[in-house]
Protein backbone atom coordinates (compact mmCIF):
# COMPACT_ATOMS: atom_id res chain seq x y z
CA MET A 1 -31.25 6.10 3.30
CA SER A 2 -28.39 8.05 5.09
CA TRP A 3 -27.24 11.08 3.91
CA GLU A 4 -23.37 9.45 3.61
CA GLU A 5 -25.35 6.92 1.09
CA GLU A 6 -27.52 9.54 -0.84
CA LEU A 7 -24.40 11.38 -1.39
CA HIS A 8 -22.07 8.30 -2.31
CA ARG A 9 -24.77 7.33 -5.01
CA VAL A 10 -25.52 10.80 -6.67
CA VAL A 11 -21.40 11.16 -6.77
CA ARG A 12 -20.98 7.75 -8.17
CA LYS A 13 -22.89 8.53 -10.65
CA TYR A 14 -22.36 12.28 -11.73
CA TYR A 15 -18.14 11.86 -11.00
CA ARG A 16 -15.95 10.69 -13.21
CA GLY A 17 -12.68 11.17 -12.33
CA GLY A 18 -11.79 13.81 -14.46
CA ARG A 19 -12.93 16.84 -16.69
CA GLU A 20 -15.78 16.49 -18.66
CA GLU A 21 -16.36 16.64 -22.18
CA ALA A 22 -17.00 20.73 -22.40
CA PRO A 23 -19.01 21.04 -25.61
CA GLY A 24 -17.93 22.31 -28.87
CA TRP A 25 -19.01 25.50 -29.03
CA ILE A 26 -16.70 26.37 -26.16
CA ALA A 27 -13.86 25.02 -28.14
CA ALA A 28 -14.71 26.77 -31.34
CA GLY A 29 -15.27 30.21 -29.04
CA GLU A 30 -18.48 30.59 -29.31
CA VAL A 31 -18.22 32.50 -25.67
CA ILE A 32 -20.03 35.64 -24.45
CA GLY A 33 -17.52 37.11 -22.90
CA ASP A 34 -14.72 36.30 -19.93
CA PRO A 35 -15.54 32.74 -18.36
CA THR A 36 -16.80 33.76 -14.43
CA VAL A 37 -14.49 32.39 -11.95
CA VAL A 38 -15.75 31.41 -8.64
CA SER A 39 -13.48 29.52 -5.93
CA ASN A 40 -13.67 28.34 -2.50
CA ALA A 41 -10.10 29.19 -0.76
CA SER A 42 -10.57 26.90 2.23
CA CYS A 43 -10.37 23.68 -0.03
CA GLY A 44 -9.15 24.73 -3.28
CA ASP A 45 -12.16 23.69 -5.43
CA ARG A 46 -12.78 26.03 -8.68
CA VAL A 47 -15.92 26.30 -10.64
CA THR A 48 -15.56 28.19 -14.15
CA VAL A 49 -18.10 29.48 -16.29
CA TYR A 50 -18.74 29.42 -20.18
CA ARG A 51 -21.59 31.29 -21.32
CA ARG A 52 -23.25 31.00 -24.63
CA PRO A 53 -24.81 33.45 -26.94
CA GLY A 54 -28.56 32.98 -27.55
CA GLY A 55 -28.85 30.96 -23.82
CA GLY A 56 -26.79 28.27 -22.34
CA ALA A 57 -23.81 27.88 -19.70
CA TRP A 58 -20.98 25.09 -19.23
CA LEU A 59 -19.61 24.22 -16.03
CA GLU A 60 -15.82 23.08 -15.60
CA VAL A 61 -14.49 22.28 -12.07
CA ALA A 62 -11.27 21.88 -10.89
CA GLY A 63 -11.95 20.42 -7.25
CA CYS A 64 -13.44 17.76 -5.37
CA ALA A 65 -15.97 14.56 -6.10
CA VAL A 66 -18.53 16.77 -4.61
CA CYS A 67 -17.46 19.68 -6.48
CA LYS A 68 -17.55 17.75 -10.00
CA ALA A 69 -20.59 15.31 -9.36
CA SER A 70 -22.58 19.14 -8.99
CA ALA A 71 -21.43 20.45 -11.26
CA SER A 72 -22.10 17.62 -13.29
CA VAL A 73 -25.82 17.55 -12.61
CA ALA A 74 -25.96 21.66 -12.99
CA ASN A 75 -24.90 21.16 -16.47
CA ARG A 76 -26.94 18.57 -17.39
CA LEU A 77 -30.41 21.07 -16.06
CA LEU A 78 -28.88 24.53 -17.38
CA ALA A 79 -27.10 23.55 -20.55
CA GLU A 80 -29.47 25.24 -23.13
CA ARG A 81 -31.68 27.56 -20.39
CA PRO A 82 -32.47 30.89 -20.86
CA LEU A 83 -30.16 32.98 -18.14
CA ASP A 84 -34.12 33.72 -15.84
CA GLU A 85 -34.32 30.20 -15.74
CA VAL A 86 -31.30 29.14 -14.66
CA CYS A 87 -31.49 31.48 -11.58
CA THR A 88 -34.54 30.81 -10.82
CA ILE A 89 -32.78 27.10 -10.79
CA ALA A 90 -29.76 27.32 -9.88
CA ARG A 91 -31.57 29.94 -6.66
CA ARG A 92 -34.31 26.24 -5.48
CA VAL A 93 -31.42 23.77 -5.10
CA LEU A 94 -29.07 26.49 -3.38
CA ASP A 95 -32.22 27.06 -0.59
CA GLY A 96 -32.15 22.87 -1.36
CA ILE A 97 -28.77 22.19 0.09
CA ALA A 98 -28.68 25.06 2.34
CA GLY A 99 -31.77 23.42 4.07
CA VAL A 100 -33.55 26.44 4.77
CA GLY A 101 -35.98 28.99 2.31
CA GLU A 102 -39.11 28.13 1.17
CA THR A 103 -37.85 25.28 -0.93
CA SER A 104 -39.09 21.74 -0.23
CA SER A 105 -37.69 17.75 -1.20
CA HIS A 106 -40.77 17.89 -3.03
CA ASP A 107 -41.13 21.90 -4.81
CA ILE A 108 -37.69 21.25 -6.08
CA ASP A 109 -38.73 17.68 -7.34
CA THR A 110 -42.33 18.31 -8.59
CA GLU A 111 -40.94 21.93 -10.65
CA LEU A 112 -37.57 20.44 -11.45
CA ALA A 113 -39.03 16.16 -12.90
CA GLY A 114 -41.15 18.48 -15.22
CA LEU A 115 -38.83 20.20 -17.16
CA VAL A 116 -35.76 17.88 -17.21
CA GLY A 117 -37.93 14.89 -15.38
CA ASP A 118 -37.92 12.73 -12.20
CA GLU A 119 -33.77 10.99 -12.27
CA LEU A 120 -32.18 14.23 -12.64
CA ALA A 121 -35.18 15.91 -9.86
CA ALA A 122 -34.48 13.14 -7.38
CA ASP A 123 -30.44 13.79 -8.37
CA VAL A 124 -30.51 17.30 -7.68
CA ARG A 125 -32.65 16.63 -4.43
CA SER A 126 -29.27 14.61 -3.43
CA PHE A 127 -27.46 17.16 -2.64
CA PHE A 128 -29.91 17.92 -0.61
CA SER A 129 -28.60 16.33 2.37
CA LEU A 130 -25.36 18.28 2.52
CA SER A 131 -27.39 20.61 4.88
CA ALA A 132 -26.45 18.77 7.46
CA VAL A 133 -23.12 18.24 6.97
CA PRO A 134 -21.22 22.12 6.47
CA GLY A 135 -17.85 20.75 5.34
CA ARG A 136 -18.95 19.47 2.08
CA ARG A 137 -22.97 21.46 1.81
CA ARG A 138 -20.03 24.50 0.35
CA CYS A 139 -19.01 21.93 -2.12
CA ALA A 140 -21.90 21.28 -3.57
CA GLU A 141 -22.75 24.46 -3.65
CA LEU A 142 -20.56 26.48 -5.36
CA PRO A 143 -21.13 25.38 -8.87
CA TRP A 144 -24.35 26.62 -8.47
CA GLU A 145 -22.64 30.14 -6.59
CA ALA A 146 -20.70 30.17 -9.68
CA VAL A 147 -23.89 30.44 -11.97
CA LEU A 148 -25.55 32.95 -10.56
CA ARG A 149 -22.43 35.24 -10.49
CA GLU A 150 -22.04 34.90 -13.95
CA ALA A 151 -25.73 35.81 -14.16
CA ASP A 152 -24.62 38.88 -12.27
CA VAL A 153 -22.09 39.48 -14.54
CA ALA A 154 -24.43 38.41 -17.98
CA ARG A 155 -27.24 41.32 -16.60
């Protein structure tokens, strides 16, 4: 499957044309501190990260379909995980998207499949095809970078 076909598959699966419904804990005000906001000035994508007491985070996106799909995958993957585990996963995913580091498709599949199942791990790997497409790579990276920035604020 080409990178275009792979990207279309995962975007169709996760992008729903608008905002995802935020979990009830955000509406109830169960949020630690002020949310972290990360933007891509070149295109206007914006990711807001809300952190929950006891672990977990939620990403809200105003941006393109690729950014929203990447954030949707992150929301499913990171929702109830402790901060250290969230950071480890986010760094590995960013390495995979950038096509650098020691992360390989097989490594991330194996690691994530054990945590979240084969299907979600394969969906994460779909964004790795963007390592060859710098113009779209940034869109997929922004949600994961926002997670790491929120983790820095939390420490």
